[in-house]
Amino acid sequence: NNFDFEVIFVDDGSTDNSLKVIKDICRGDRRFKYVSFQKNYGKSAALNIGFKKASGTVVVTMDADLQDDPGEIPNLILKLNEGFDMVSGWKKKRYDPFIKKHSSKFFNAVTRWFSGVKIHDFNCGLKIYKKNVLDQIRVYGELHRYIPVLANWKGFSVAELVVTHHPRKFGYTKFGISRFFKGFVDLLTVVFITRYAKRPMHLFGFLGAFSLIAGTILNLVLTYQKLFHNMPLSNRPMLFLGVLLIIVGMQFFSLGLIGEMMVSSSHTSNEYTLRDSNI
């Protein structure tokens, strides 16, 4: 295909000779570029700086474990040109350990249900984007798993395309139980970001109001019983529950107000230190 391109390698703090190999590849060809982190910061940071450094109007991302097939890139471009803003790969036939494969299916089903984005493989590393999509979303922490959700929330159209997935030849998967649970914690984060990030008081105010009303009603019932039926309160656990609900409700309101004050602040500071770069 006759089009201009650049290749950006992001070295996430490797401790072997990866950086030397990357430099050798980039030497003598300005289309090949690299960024190297001083230490390992994770996939979100690597993607974030790659997005910032990319100069084209279309960006393709691939993992470095050689399980993604670069031969799928033309197919992704064709799909994108059908009018979509982003196309996510779907490893329909994947070569991963049994536990990882089936936990991923469960994870994707839950994400689909929570987000309403009807794709099958949210965390596939092989994706293609229009650059303006990446200019509008922020990827930090572990939110790389939910880029399709964040893009959809911003109003961009997201499609899916079945892609080839190869067995792992080198290295080993970092998947584990801790990552599985982190994924669901991150899902709750995304749900909050997409629904309440601009108005946190909507969430915390609702929880606070519910707790306050429940506590107030409970205490009013106890007060009525004391005044009109002379029932003692000192040995009633319900009294402590009512007071606790009121206190918790006030705390939720406080969190909502603090969130409203902080919502205008943006996530602008870099969370990584560069070791080397030719961009």
Foldseek 3Di string as FASTA:
>chain_A
DDDDAAAEAEAQADDDCVVVVLCVVCPPPVSYWYFYFVHHFDDLLSVLVVLVPDDDQKDWFADPQPFFDPVCVVVQVVVVVVPFFKEAEDQVPEADDPVVVVLQQVLQVVLCVLQVDPDRQQQHRTMMGGSVLSVPDHGDDPCSSHSVSRSVLVPGGYHYDYGGTHHGDDDDDPDDPVVSVVSVVVSVVSSCCSPDLQQVCVVLVVQLVVLQVVLVVLVVVVVCCCPPVVDDDPPDVSNVSSVVSNVSSVVSNVVRVVSNVCSPDDDPDRPTHTPDIPD
